[in-house]
Amino acid sequence: MERLTERYDVAPNGESDVWVKQHDYISAARKLAEYEDLEEQGLLVRLPCSIGTTVWNIYGMGIRKNVVSGIEYGKDGRWVLWANEDEWLGELNVVVFLTREEAEKKLEELKNEI
C-alpha cells in the first residue's frame, strides 16, 4: 500500500504533524472514504498485535513465552492467538497477554482463587 501521507515528529506550533504527499488531497480523501466505508460495514478490523509479536500465555501454573503466528477473531469479539502455525495459545487477555507483567498478574489471581 502506497502511503499518501507523512507524519512528522516535530511540527511548527499550531500546525498538523500529518502532511499529504505531493498535495494529492483528492486521492487521500478517496482513500479515507474507502476506509470509513469498510469500517461502517464491519470489514475493517484493528488487530491487537501483529504476526511475529512476542506474547506470554498461562500454561498450567506457569508462563510461557511465544511468538504469534496466527490471529482469529470470533463473532463474539474474542481474539484467539496461535503460535508455531498450529499451536493454539488461547484467548487474548484471558490466558494470553501482550506483556509478561499482565500474565504474571493474571496467574497470581488464579493462584489466589485456589
PDB file of N, CA and C in Angstrom:
ATOM      1  N   MET A   1       0.847  -1.174   0.000  1.00  0.00           N
ATOM      2  CA  MET A   1       0.000   0.000   0.000  1.00  0.00           C
ATOM      3  C   MET A   1       0.892   1.236   0.000  1.00  0.00           C
ATOM      4  N   GLU A   2       0.661   2.076  -0.930  1.00  0.00           N
ATOM      5  CA  GLU A   2       1.428   3.315  -1.005  1.00  0.00           C
ATOM      6  C   GLU A   2       0.825   4.348  -0.060  1.00  0.00           C
ATOM      7  N   ARG A   3       1.671   4.916   0.767  1.00  0.00           N
ATOM      8  CA  ARG A   3       1.210   5.955   1.686  1.00  0.00           C
ATOM      9  C   ARG A   3       0.956   7.244   0.937  1.00  0.00           C
ATOM     10  N   LEU A   4      -0.123   7.882   1.287  1.00  0.00           N
ATOM     11  CA  LEU A   4      -0.451   9.189   0.715  1.00  0.00           C
ATOM     12  C   LEU A   4      -0.109  10.307   1.685  1.00  0.00           C
ATOM     13  N   THR A   5       0.287   9.937   2.902  1.00  0.00           N
ATOM     14  CA  THR A   5       0.591  10.940   3.923  1.00  0.00           C
ATOM     15  C   THR A   5       1.950  10.669   4.551  1.00  0.00           C
ATOM     16  N   GLU A   6       2.458  11.678   5.228  1.00  0.00           N
ATOM     17  CA  GLU A   6       3.687  11.563   6.017  1.00  0.00           C
ATOM     18  C   GLU A   6       3.430  12.139   7.398  1.00  0.00           C
ATOM     19  N   ARG A   7       4.041  11.533   8.401  1.00  0.00           N
ATOM     20  CA  ARG A   7       3.968  12.064   9.762  1.00  0.00           C
ATOM     21  C   ARG A   7       5.313  12.688  10.118  1.00  0.00           C
ATOM     22  N   TYR A   8       5.259  13.790  10.843  1.00  0.00           N
ATOM     23  CA  TYR A   8       6.465  14.464  11.284  1.00  0.00           C
ATOM     24  C   TYR A   8       6.506  14.476  12.803  1.00  0.00           C
ATOM     25  N   ASP A   9       7.672  14.173  13.360  1.00  0.00           N
ATOM     26  CA  ASP A   9       7.821  14.171  14.812  1.00  0.00           C
ATOM     27  C   ASP A   9       7.701  15.580  15.378  1.00  0.00           C
ATOM     28  N   VAL A  10       8.211  16.536  14.651  1.00  0.00           N
ATOM     29  CA  VAL A  10       8.185  17.919  15.118  1.00  0.00           C
ATOM     30  C   VAL A  10       7.433  18.752  14.083  1.00  0.00           C
ATOM     31  N   ALA A  11       6.354  19.356  14.517  1.00  0.00           N
ATOM     32  CA  ALA A  11       5.575  20.224  13.628  1.00  0.00           C
ATOM     33  C   ALA A  11       5.617  21.640  14.192  1.00  0.00           C
ATOM     34  N   PRO A  12       5.598  22.624  13.309  1.00  0.00           N
ATOM     35  CA  PRO A  12       5.555  24.001  13.804  1.00  0.00           C
ATOM     36  C   PRO A  12       4.341  24.194  14.718  1.00  0.00           C
ATOM     37  N   ASN A  13       4.480  25.040  15.707  1.00  0.00           N
ATOM     38  CA  ASN A  13       3.435  25.274  16.684  1.00  0.00           C
ATOM     39  C   ASN A  13       2.107  25.589  16.001  1.00  0.00           C
ATOM     40  N   GLY A  14       1.088  24.783  16.336  1.00  0.00           N
ATOM     41  CA  GLY A  14      -0.233  25.021  15.794  1.00  0.00           C
ATOM     42  C   GLY A  14      -0.489  24.359  14.448  1.00  0.00           C
ATOM     43  N   GLU A  15       0.511  23.724  13.862  1.00  0.00           N
ATOM     44  CA  GLU A  15       0.326  23.078  12.566  1.00  0.00           C
ATOM     45  C   GLU A  15       0.199  21.569  12.745  1.00  0.00           C
ATOM     46  N   SER A  16      -0.373  20.932  11.754  1.00  0.00           N
ATOM     47  CA  SER A  16      -0.571  19.480  11.775  1.00  0.00           C
ATOM     48  C   SER A  16       0.768  18.754  11.662  1.00  0.00           C
ATOM     49  N   ASP A  17       0.845  17.582  12.278  1.00  0.00           N
ATOM     50  CA  ASP A  17       2.043  16.753  12.136  1.00  0.00           C
ATOM     51  C   ASP A  17       1.867  15.725  11.019  1.00  0.00           C
ATOM     52  N   VAL A  18       0.747  15.813  10.291  1.00  0.00           N
ATOM     53  CA  VAL A  18       0.476  14.930   9.157  1.00  0.00           C
ATOM     54  C   VAL A  18       0.357  15.781   7.900  1.00  0.00           C
ATOM     55  N   TRP A  19       1.071  15.371   6.859  1.00  0.00           N
ATOM     56  CA  TRP A  19       1.064  16.101   5.604  1.00  0.00           C
ATOM     57  C   TRP A  19       0.679  15.158   4.476  1.00  0.00           C
ATOM     58  N   VAL A  20      -0.088  15.636   3.520  1.00  0.00           N
ATOM     59  CA  VAL A  20      -0.450  14.857   2.333  1.00  0.00           C
ATOM     60  C   VAL A  20       0.692  14.999   1.331  1.00  0.00           C
ATOM     61  N   LYS A  21       1.226  13.841   0.912  1.00  0.00           N
ATOM     62  CA  LYS A  21       2.338  13.854  -0.041  1.00  0.00           C
ATOM     63  C   LYS A  21       1.896  14.449  -1.362  1.00  0.00           C
ATOM     64  N   GLN A  22       2.762  15.226  -1.955  1.00  0.00           N
ATOM     65  CA  GLN A  22       2.563  15.833  -3.269  1.00  0.00           C
ATOM     66  C   GLN A  22       1.226  16.582  -3.363  1.00  0.00           C
ATOM     67  N   HIS A  23       0.675  16.973  -2.231  1.00  0.00           N
ATOM     68  CA  HIS A  23      -0.583  17.724  -2.168  1.00  0.00           C
ATOM     69  C   HIS A  23      -1.716  17.026  -2.922  1.00  0.00           C
ATOM     70  N   ASP A  24      -1.721  15.692  -2.886  1.00  0.00           N
ATOM     71  CA  ASP A  24      -2.734  14.899  -3.586  1.00  0.00           C
ATOM     72  C   ASP A  24      -3.928  14.674  -2.656  1.00  0.00           C
ATOM     73  N   TYR A  25      -4.644  15.735  -2.365  1.00  0.00           N
ATOM     74  CA  TYR A  25      -5.751  15.689  -1.410  1.00  0.00           C
ATOM     75  C   TYR A  25      -6.927  14.856  -1.910  1.00  0.00           C
ATOM     76  N   ILE A  26      -7.141  14.817  -3.208  1.00  0.00           N
ATOM     77  CA  ILE A  26      -8.253  14.039  -3.754  1.00  0.00           C
ATOM     78  C   ILE A  26      -8.027  12.554  -3.511  1.00  0.00           C
ATOM     79  N   SER A  27      -6.831  12.051  -3.806  1.00  0.00           N
ATOM     80  CA  SER A  27      -6.528  10.634  -3.555  1.00  0.00           C
ATOM     81  C   SER A  27      -6.595  10.307  -2.071  1.00  0.00           C
ATOM     82  N   ALA A  28      -6.078  11.214  -1.232  1.00  0.00           N
ATOM     83  CA  ALA A  28      -6.115  10.987   0.215  1.00  0.00           C
ATOM     84  C   ALA A  28      -7.550  10.944   0.721  1.00  0.00           C
ATOM     85  N   ALA A  29      -8.404  11.839   0.234  1.00  0.00           N
ATOM     86  CA  ALA A  29      -9.806  11.863   0.654  1.00  0.00           C
ATOM     87  C   ALA A  29     -10.533  10.599   0.194  1.00  0.00           C
ATOM     88  N   ARG A  30     -10.252  10.137  -1.023  1.00  0.00           N
ATOM     89  CA  ARG A  30     -10.874   8.906  -1.518  1.00  0.00           C
ATOM     90  C   ARG A  30     -10.468   7.697  -0.682  1.00  0.00           C
ATOM     91  N   LYS A  31      -9.186   7.638  -0.339  1.00  0.00           N
ATOM     92  CA  LYS A  31      -8.696   6.516   0.469  1.00  0.00           C
ATOM     93  C   LYS A  31      -9.329   6.549   1.860  1.00  0.00           C
ATOM     94  N   LEU A  32      -9.427   7.719   2.451  1.00  0.00           N
ATOM     95  CA  LEU A  32     -10.082   7.864   3.754  1.00  0.00           C
ATOM     96  C   LEU A  32     -11.538   7.428   3.669  1.00  0.00           C
ATOM     97  N   ALA A  33     -12.230   7.837   2.620  1.00  0.00           N
ATOM     98  CA  ALA A  33     -13.640   7.457   2.439  1.00  0.00           C
ATOM     99  C   ALA A  33     -13.777   5.942   2.307  1.00  0.00           C
ATOM    100  N   GLU A  34     -12.846   5.308   1.603  1.00  0.00           N
ATOM    101  CA  GLU A  34     -12.882   3.847   1.454  1.00  0.00           C
ATOM    102  C   GLU A  34     -12.711   3.166   2.821  1.00  0.00           C
ATOM    103  N   TYR A  35     -11.769   3.645   3.620  1.00  0.00           N
ATOM    104  CA  TYR A  35     -11.579   3.081   4.962  1.00  0.00           C
ATOM    105  C   TYR A  35     -12.805   3.303   5.844  1.00  0.00           C
ATOM    106  N   GLU A  36     -13.407   4.469   5.756  1.00  0.00           N
ATOM    107  CA  GLU A  36     -14.608   4.738   6.546  1.00  0.00           C
ATOM    108  C   GLU A  36     -15.757   3.837   6.111  1.00  0.00           C
ATOM    109  N   ASP A  37     -15.897   3.608   4.798  1.00  0.00           N
ATOM    110  CA  ASP A  37     -16.931   2.690   4.308  1.00  0.00           C
ATOM    111  C   ASP A  37     -16.713   1.285   4.859  1.00  0.00           C
ATOM    112  N   LEU A  38     -15.479   0.811   4.803  1.00  0.00           N
ATOM    113  CA  LEU A  38     -15.158  -0.525   5.316  1.00  0.00           C
ATOM    114  C   LEU A  38     -15.444  -0.621   6.815  1.00  0.00           C
ATOM    115  N   GLU A  39     -15.095   0.428   7.552  1.00  0.00           N
ATOM    116  CA  GLU A  39     -15.352   0.440   8.989  1.00  0.00           C
ATOM    117  C   GLU A  39     -16.848   0.376   9.281  1.00  0.00           C
ATOM    118  N   GLU A  40     -17.640   1.149   8.548  1.00  0.00           N
ATOM    119  CA  GLU A  40     -19.096   1.151   8.738  1.00  0.00           C
ATOM    120  C   GLU A  40     -19.713  -0.199   8.410  1.00  0.00           C
ATOM    121  N   GLN A  41     -19.114  -0.948   7.484  1.00  0.00           N
ATOM    122  CA  GLN A  41     -19.620  -2.259   7.081  1.00  0.00           C
ATOM    123  C   GLN A  41     -19.101  -3.376   7.989  1.00  0.00           C
ATOM    124  N   GLY A  42     -18.278  -3.024   8.972  1.00  0.00           N
ATOM    125  CA  GLY A  42     -17.712  -4.025   9.874  1.00  0.00           C
ATOM    126  C   GLY A  42     -16.611  -4.840   9.232  1.00  0.00           C
ATOM    127  N   LEU A  43     -15.992  -4.318   8.181  1.00  0.00           N
ATOM    128  CA  LEU A  43     -14.956  -5.058   7.465  1.00  0.00           C
ATOM    129  C   LEU A  43     -13.545  -4.573   7.771  1.00  0.00           C
ATOM    130  N   LEU A  44     -13.428  -3.529   8.541  1.00  0.00           N
ATOM    131  CA  LEU A  44     -12.118  -3.002   8.905  1.00  0.00           C
ATOM    132  C   LEU A  44     -11.862  -3.363  10.358  1.00  0.00           C
ATOM    133  N   VAL A  45     -10.839  -4.137  10.582  1.00  0.00           N
ATOM    134  CA  VAL A  45     -10.545  -4.626  11.927  1.00  0.00           C
ATOM    135  C   VAL A  45      -9.143  -4.200  12.320  1.00  0.00           C
ATOM    136  N   ARG A  46      -8.995  -3.694  13.517  1.00  0.00           N
ATOM    137  CA  ARG A  46      -7.679  -3.354  14.045  1.00  0.00           C
ATOM    138  C   ARG A  46      -7.192  -4.530  14.873  1.00  0.00           C
ATOM    139  N   LEU A  47      -6.117  -5.154  14.449  1.00  0.00           N
ATOM    140  CA  LEU A  47      -5.584  -6.316  15.149  1.00  0.00           C
ATOM    141  C   LEU A  47      -4.966  -5.892  16.487  1.00  0.00           C
ATOM    142  N   PRO A  48      -5.058  -6.756  17.494  1.00  0.00           N
ATOM    143  CA  PRO A  48      -4.492  -6.422  18.798  1.00  0.00           C
ATOM    144  C   PRO A  48      -2.968  -6.475  18.807  1.00  0.00           C
ATOM    145  N   CYS A  49      -2.390  -7.180  17.840  1.00  0.00           N
ATOM    146  CA  CYS A  49      -0.945  -7.287  17.692  1.00  0.00           C
ATOM    147  C   CYS A  49      -0.672  -7.811  16.289  1.00  0.00           C
ATOM    148  N   SER A  50       0.575  -7.840  15.902  1.00  0.00           N
ATOM    149  CA  SER A  50       0.903  -8.334  14.566  1.00  0.00           C
ATOM    150  C   SER A  50       1.511  -9.726  14.645  1.00  0.00           C
ATOM    151  N   ILE A  51       1.521 -10.413  13.510  1.00  0.00           N
ATOM    152  CA  ILE A  51       2.197 -11.694  13.424  1.00  0.00           C
ATOM    153  C   ILE A  51       3.666 -11.437  13.748  1.00  0.00           C
ATOM    154  N   GLY A  52       4.247 -12.288  14.579  1.00  0.00           N
ATOM    155  CA  GLY A  52       5.633 -12.102  14.993  1.00  0.00           C
ATOM    156  C   GLY A  52       5.787 -11.436  16.346  1.00  0.00           C
ATOM    157  N   THR A  53       4.671 -10.988  16.933  1.00  0.00           N
ATOM    158  CA  THR A  53       4.705 -10.349  18.246  1.00  0.00           C
ATOM    159  C   THR A  53       4.987 -11.390  19.325  1.00  0.00           C
ATOM    160  N   THR A  54       5.815 -11.048  20.282  1.00  0.00           N
ATOM    161  CA  THR A  54       6.059 -11.919  21.429  1.00  0.00           C
ATOM    162  C   THR A  54       4.912 -11.748  22.415  1.00  0.00           C
ATOM    163  N   VAL A  55       4.359 -12.868  22.872  1.00  0.00           N
ATOM    164  CA  VAL A  55       3.275 -12.873  23.861  1.00  0.00           C
ATOM    165  C   VAL A  55       3.612 -13.869  24.951  1.00  0.00           C
ATOM    166  N   TRP A  56       2.863 -13.788  26.053  1.00  0.00           N
ATOM    167  CA  TRP A  56       3.044 -14.709  27.168  1.00  0.00           C
ATOM    168  C   TRP A  56       1.708 -15.353  27.468  1.00  0.00           C
ATOM    169  N   ASN A  57       1.710 -16.685  27.593  1.00  0.00           N
ATOM    170  CA  ASN A  57       0.457 -17.364  27.912  1.00  0.00           C
ATOM    171  C   ASN A  57       0.613 -18.198  29.171  1.00  0.00           C
ATOM    172  N   ILE A  58      -0.496 -18.283  29.891  1.00  0.00           N
ATOM    173  CA  ILE A  58      -0.528 -19.104  31.097  1.00  0.00           C
ATOM    174  C   ILE A  58      -0.673 -20.544  30.662  1.00  0.00           C
ATOM    175  N   TYR A  59       0.230 -21.366  31.146  1.00  0.00           N
ATOM    176  CA  TYR A  59       0.286 -22.774  30.757  1.00  0.00           C
ATOM    177  C   TYR A  59       0.444 -23.589  32.034  1.00  0.00           C
ATOM    178  N   GLY A  60      -0.640 -24.242  32.440  1.00  0.00           N
ATOM    179  CA  GLY A  60      -0.610 -24.914  33.737  1.00  0.00           C
ATOM    180  C   GLY A  60      -0.530 -23.859  34.818  1.00  0.00           C
ATOM    181  N   MET A  61       0.482 -23.957  35.662  1.00  0.00           N
ATOM    182  CA  MET A  61       0.683 -22.940  36.702  1.00  0.00           C
ATOM    183  C   MET A  61       1.938 -22.122  36.429  1.00  0.00           C
ATOM    184  N   GLY A  62       2.297 -22.022  35.139  1.00  0.00           N
ATOM    185  CA  GLY A  62       3.452 -21.239  34.737  1.00  0.00           C
ATOM    186  C   GLY A  62       3.127 -20.334  33.568  1.00  0.00           C
ATOM    187  N   ILE A  63       4.154 -19.670  33.095  1.00  0.00           N
ATOM    188  CA  ILE A  63       4.009 -18.736  31.987  1.00  0.00           C
ATOM    189  C   ILE A  63       5.018 -19.112  30.909  1.00  0.00           C
ATOM    190  N   ARG A  64       4.529 -19.159  29.666  1.00  0.00           N
ATOM    191  CA  ARG A  64       5.398 -19.458  28.527  1.00  0.00           C
ATOM    192  C   ARG A  64       5.474 -18.248  27.603  1.00  0.00           C
ATOM    193  N   LYS A  65       6.638 -18.075  27.027  1.00  0.00           N
ATOM    194  CA  LYS A  65       6.850 -17.019  26.035  1.00  0.00           C
ATOM    195  C   LYS A  65       6.647 -17.646  24.649  1.00  0.00           C
ATOM    196  N   ASN A  66       5.886 -16.977  23.780  1.00  0.00           N
ATOM    197  CA  ASN A  66       5.613 -17.471  22.437  1.00  0.00           C
ATOM    198  C   ASN A  66       5.661 -16.331  21.440  1.00  0.00           C
ATOM    199  N   VAL A  67       5.672 -16.700  20.172  1.00  0.00           N
ATOM    200  CA  VAL A  67       5.614 -15.725  19.087  1.00  0.00           C
ATOM    201  C   VAL A  67       4.348 -16.008  18.283  1.00  0.00           C
ATOM    202  N   VAL A  68       3.549 -14.981  18.064  1.00  0.00           N
ATOM    203  CA  VAL A  68       2.269 -15.122  17.377  1.00  0.00           C
ATOM    204  C   VAL A  68       2.491 -15.475  15.903  1.00  0.00           C
ATOM    205  N   SER A  69       1.794 -16.541  15.463  1.00  0.00           N
ATOM    206  CA  SER A  69       1.836 -16.917  14.047  1.00  0.00           C
ATOM    207  C   SER A  69       0.450 -16.850  13.411  1.00  0.00           C
ATOM    208  N   GLY A  70      -0.585 -16.683  14.238  1.00  0.00           N
ATOM    209  CA  GLY A  70      -1.936 -16.593  13.714  1.00  0.00           C
ATOM    210  C   GLY A  70      -2.848 -15.876  14.682  1.00  0.00           C
ATOM    211  N   ILE A  71      -3.859 -15.202  14.133  1.00  0.00           N
ATOM    212  CA  ILE A  71      -4.823 -14.451  14.931  1.00  0.00           C
ATOM    213  C   ILE A  71      -6.211 -14.758  14.403  1.00  0.00           C
ATOM    214  N   GLU A  72      -7.132 -15.082  15.298  1.00  0.00           N
ATOM    215  CA  GLU A  72      -8.526 -15.308  14.918  1.00  0.00           C
ATOM    216  C   GLU A  72      -9.408 -14.328  15.673  1.00  0.00           C
ATOM    217  N   TYR A  73     -10.462 -13.902  15.005  1.00  0.00           N
ATOM    218  CA  TYR A  73     -11.438 -13.005  15.622  1.00  0.00           C
ATOM    219  C   TYR A  73     -12.803 -13.647  15.502  1.00  0.00           C
ATOM    220  N   GLY A  74     -13.461 -13.875  16.631  1.00  0.00           N
ATOM    221  CA  GLY A  74     -14.765 -14.516  16.622  1.00  0.00           C
ATOM    222  C   GLY A  74     -15.907 -13.532  16.566  1.00  0.00           C
ATOM    223  N   LYS A  75     -17.071 -14.034  16.220  1.00  0.00           N
ATOM    224  CA  LYS A  75     -18.277 -13.206  16.184  1.00  0.00           C
ATOM    225  C   LYS A  75     -18.562 -12.574  17.538  1.00  0.00           C
ATOM    226  N   ASP A  76     -18.112 -13.250  18.590  1.00  0.00           N
ATOM    227  CA  ASP A  76     -18.346 -12.753  19.946  1.00  0.00           C
ATOM    228  C   ASP A  76     -17.347 -11.680  20.360  1.00  0.00           C
ATOM    229  N   GLY A  77     -16.457 -11.283  19.443  1.00  0.00           N
ATOM    230  CA  GLY A  77     -15.492 -10.233  19.735  1.00  0.00           C
ATOM    231  C   GLY A  77     -14.248 -10.705  20.457  1.00  0.00           C
ATOM    232  N   ARG A  78     -14.049 -12.009  20.520  1.00  0.00           N
ATOM    233  CA  ARG A  78     -12.874 -12.556  21.207  1.00  0.00           C
ATOM    234  C   ARG A  78     -11.732 -12.785  20.224  1.00  0.00           C
ATOM    235  N   TRP A  79     -10.526 -12.482  20.699  1.00  0.00           N
ATOM    236  CA  TRP A  79      -9.319 -12.717  19.922  1.00  0.00           C
ATOM    237  C   TRP A  79      -8.659 -13.984  20.433  1.00  0.00           C
ATOM    238  N   VAL A  80      -8.304 -14.885  19.527  1.00  0.00           N
ATOM    239  CA  VAL A  80      -7.580 -16.103  19.878  1.00  0.00           C
ATOM    240  C   VAL A  80      -6.268 -16.089  19.110  1.00  0.00           C
ATOM    241  N   LEU A  81      -5.172 -16.380  19.809  1.00  0.00           N
ATOM    242  CA  LEU A  81      -3.846 -16.332  19.195  1.00  0.00           C
ATOM    243  C   LEU A  81      -3.263 -17.731  19.043  1.00  0.00           C
ATOM    244  N   TRP A  82      -2.451 -17.889  18.018  1.00  0.00           N
ATOM    245  CA  TRP A  82      -1.780 -19.141  17.697  1.00  0.00           C
ATOM    246  C   TRP A  82      -0.281 -18.900  17.625  1.00  0.00           C
ATOM    247  N   ALA A  83       0.490 -19.964  17.844  1.00  0.00           N
ATOM    248  CA  ALA A  83       1.948 -19.918  17.699  1.00  0.00           C
ATOM    249  C   ALA A  83       2.385 -21.135  16.894  1.00  0.00           C
ATOM    250  N   ASN A  84       3.548 -21.060  16.319  1.00  0.00           N
ATOM    251  CA  ASN A  84       4.126 -22.187  15.574  1.00  0.00           C
ATOM    252  C   ASN A  84       3.174 -22.737  14.524  1.00  0.00           C
ATOM    253  N   GLU A  85       2.418 -21.864  13.895  1.00  0.00           N
ATOM    254  CA  GLU A  85       1.484 -22.217  12.824  1.00  0.00           C
ATOM    255  C   GLU A  85       0.270 -23.023  13.268  1.00  0.00           C
ATOM    256  N   ASP A  86       0.397 -23.909  14.252  1.00  0.00           N
ATOM    257  CA  ASP A  86      -0.730 -24.782  14.590  1.00  0.00           C
ATOM    258  C   ASP A  86      -0.939 -24.978  16.094  1.00  0.00           C
ATOM    259  N   GLU A  87      -0.264 -24.212  16.910  1.00  0.00           N
ATOM    260  CA  GLU A  87      -0.404 -24.357  18.364  1.00  0.00           C
ATOM    261  C   GLU A  87      -1.338 -23.278  18.907  1.00  0.00           C
ATOM    262  N   TRP A  88      -2.500 -23.713  19.381  1.00  0.00           N
ATOM    263  CA  TRP A  88      -3.486 -22.805  19.944  1.00  0.00           C
ATOM    264  C   TRP A  88      -2.985 -22.301  21.287  1.00  0.00           C
ATOM    265  N   LEU A  89      -2.849 -20.990  21.424  1.00  0.00           N
ATOM    266  CA  LEU A  89      -2.387 -20.415  22.691  1.00  0.00           C
ATOM    267  C   LEU A  89      -3.551 -20.092  23.612  1.00  0.00           C
ATOM    268  N   GLY A  90      -4.638 -19.578  23.061  1.00  0.00           N
ATOM    269  CA  GLY A  90      -5.795 -19.240  23.866  1.00  0.00           C
ATOM    270  C   GLY A  90      -6.280 -17.841  23.591  1.00  0.00           C
ATOM    271  N   GLU A  91      -7.232 -17.438  24.420  1.00  0.00           N
ATOM    272  CA  GLU A  91      -7.880 -16.144  24.243  1.00  0.00           C
ATOM    273  C   GLU A  91      -7.035 -15.015  24.824  1.00  0.00           C
ATOM    274  N   LEU A  92      -6.943 -13.940  24.049  1.00  0.00           N
ATOM    275  CA  LEU A  92      -6.189 -12.766  24.467  1.00  0.00           C
ATOM    276  C   LEU A  92      -6.836 -12.134  25.691  1.00  0.00           C
ATOM    277  N   ASN A  93      -6.008 -11.768  26.646  1.00  0.00           N
ATOM    278  CA  ASN A  93      -6.395 -11.135  27.908  1.00  0.00           C
ATOM    279  C   ASN A  93      -7.174 -12.065  28.838  1.00  0.00           C
ATOM    280  N   VAL A  94      -7.189 -13.360  28.510  1.00  0.00           N
ATOM    281  CA  VAL A  94      -7.757 -14.366  29.398  1.00  0.00           C
ATOM    282  C   VAL A  94      -6.634 -15.306  29.837  1.00  0.00           C
ATOM    283  N   VAL A  95      -5.950 -15.907  28.856  1.00  0.00           N
ATOM    284  CA  VAL A  95      -4.781 -16.747  29.151  1.00  0.00           C
ATOM    285  C   VAL A  95      -3.563 -16.338  28.325  1.00  0.00           C
ATOM    286  N   VAL A  96      -3.732 -15.421  27.382  1.00  0.00           N
ATOM    287  CA  VAL A  96      -2.624 -14.915  26.567  1.00  0.00           C
ATOM    288  C   VAL A  96      -2.542 -13.405  26.762  1.00  0.00           C
ATOM    289  N   PHE A  97      -1.312 -12.902  26.939  1.00  0.00           N
ATOM    290  CA  PHE A  97      -1.138 -11.484  27.261  1.00  0.00           C
ATOM    291  C   PHE A  97       0.003 -10.885  26.455  1.00  0.00           C
ATOM    292  N   LEU A  98      -0.094  -9.593  26.189  1.00  0.00           N
ATOM    293  CA  LEU A  98       0.909  -8.897  25.396  1.00  0.00           C
ATOM    294  C   LEU A  98       2.147  -8.518  26.203  1.00  0.00           C
ATOM    295  N   THR A  99       2.033  -8.541  27.524  1.00  0.00           N
ATOM    296  CA  THR A  99       3.206  -8.281  28.369  1.00  0.00           C
ATOM    297  C   THR A  99       3.332  -9.377  29.424  1.00  0.00           C
ATOM    298  N   ARG A 100       4.543  -9.628  29.827  1.00  0.00           N
ATOM    299  CA  ARG A 100       4.779 -10.630  30.869  1.00  0.00           C
ATOM    300  C   ARG A 100       4.135 -10.192  32.188  1.00  0.00           C
ATOM    301  N   GLU A 101       4.165  -8.899  32.450  1.00  0.00           N
ATOM    302  CA  GLU A 101       3.592  -8.385  33.693  1.00  0.00           C
ATOM    303  C   GLU A 101       2.097  -8.699  33.787  1.00  0.00           C
ATOM    304  N   GLU A 102       1.374  -8.542  32.663  1.00  0.00           N
ATOM    305  CA  GLU A 102      -0.055  -8.863  32.659  1.00  0.00           C
ATOM    306  C   GLU A 102      -0.278 -10.347  32.924  1.00  0.00           C
ATOM    307  N   ALA A 103       0.550 -11.190  32.310  1.00  0.00           N
ATOM    308  CA  ALA A 103       0.432 -12.645  32.506  1.00  0.00           C
ATOM    309  C   ALA A 103       0.712 -13.002  33.961  1.00  0.00           C
ATOM    310  N   GLU A 104       1.734 -12.401  34.556  1.00  0.00           N
ATOM    311  CA  GLU A 104       2.072 -12.684  35.953  1.00  0.00           C
ATOM    312  C   GLU A 104       0.941 -12.261  36.884  1.00  0.00           C
ATOM    313  N   LYS A 105       0.354 -11.109  36.610  1.00  0.00           N
ATOM    314  CA  LYS A 105      -0.754 -10.615  37.431  1.00  0.00           C
ATOM    315  C   LYS A 105      -1.939 -11.573  37.370  1.00  0.00           C
ATOM    316  N   LYS A 106      -2.292 -12.022  36.161  1.00  0.00           N
ATOM    317  CA  LYS A 106      -3.413 -12.940  35.998  1.00  0.00           C
ATOM    318  C   LYS A 106      -3.116 -14.287  36.657  1.00  0.00           C
ATOM    319  N   LEU A 107      -1.900 -14.794  36.509  1.00  0.00           N
ATOM    320  CA  LEU A 107      -1.517 -16.057  37.139  1.00  0.00           C
ATOM    321  C   LEU A 107      -1.622 -15.957  38.656  1.00  0.00           C
ATOM    322  N   GLU A 108      -1.219 -14.839  39.199  1.00  0.00           N
ATOM    323  CA  GLU A 108      -1.323 -14.628  40.651  1.00  0.00           C
ATOM    324  C   GLU A 108      -2.798 -14.634  41.080  1.00  0.00           C
ATOM    325  N   GLU A 109      -3.661 -13.993  40.297  1.00  0.00           N
ATOM    326  CA  GLU A 109      -5.102 -14.011  40.602  1.00  0.00           C
ATOM    327  C   GLU A 109      -5.647 -15.434  40.594  1.00  0.00           C
ATOM    328  N   LEU A 110      -5.223 -16.201  39.603  1.00  0.00           N
ATOM    329  CA  LEU A 110      -5.693 -17.606  39.512  1.00  0.00           C
ATOM    330  C   LEU A 110      -5.200 -18.426  40.695  1.00  0.00           C
ATOM    331  N   LYS A 111      -3.975 -18.206  41.109  1.00  0.00           N
ATOM    332  CA  LYS A 111      -3.422 -18.945  42.257  1.00  0.00           C
ATOM    333  C   LYS A 111      -4.177 -18.579  43.546  1.00  0.00           C
ATOM    334  N   ASN A 112      -4.577 -17.322  43.669  1.00  0.00           N
ATOM    335  CA  ASN A 112      -5.306 -16.883  44.864  1.00  0.00           C
ATOM    336  C   ASN A 112      -6.714 -17.457  44.917  1.00  0.00           C
ATOM    337  N   GLU A 113      -7.269 -17.849  43.757  1.00  0.00           N
ATOM    338  CA  GLU A 113      -8.603 -18.435  43.722  1.00  0.00           C
ATOM    339  C   GLU A 113      -8.600 -19.881  44.182  1.00  0.00           C
ATOM    340  N   ILE A 114      -7.438 -20.491  44.155  1.00  0.00           N
ATOM    341  CA  ILE A 114      -7.351 -21.925  44.527  1.00  0.00           C
ATOM    342  C   ILE A 114      -7.383 -22.103  46.031  1.00  0.00           C
TER     343      ILE A 114
END
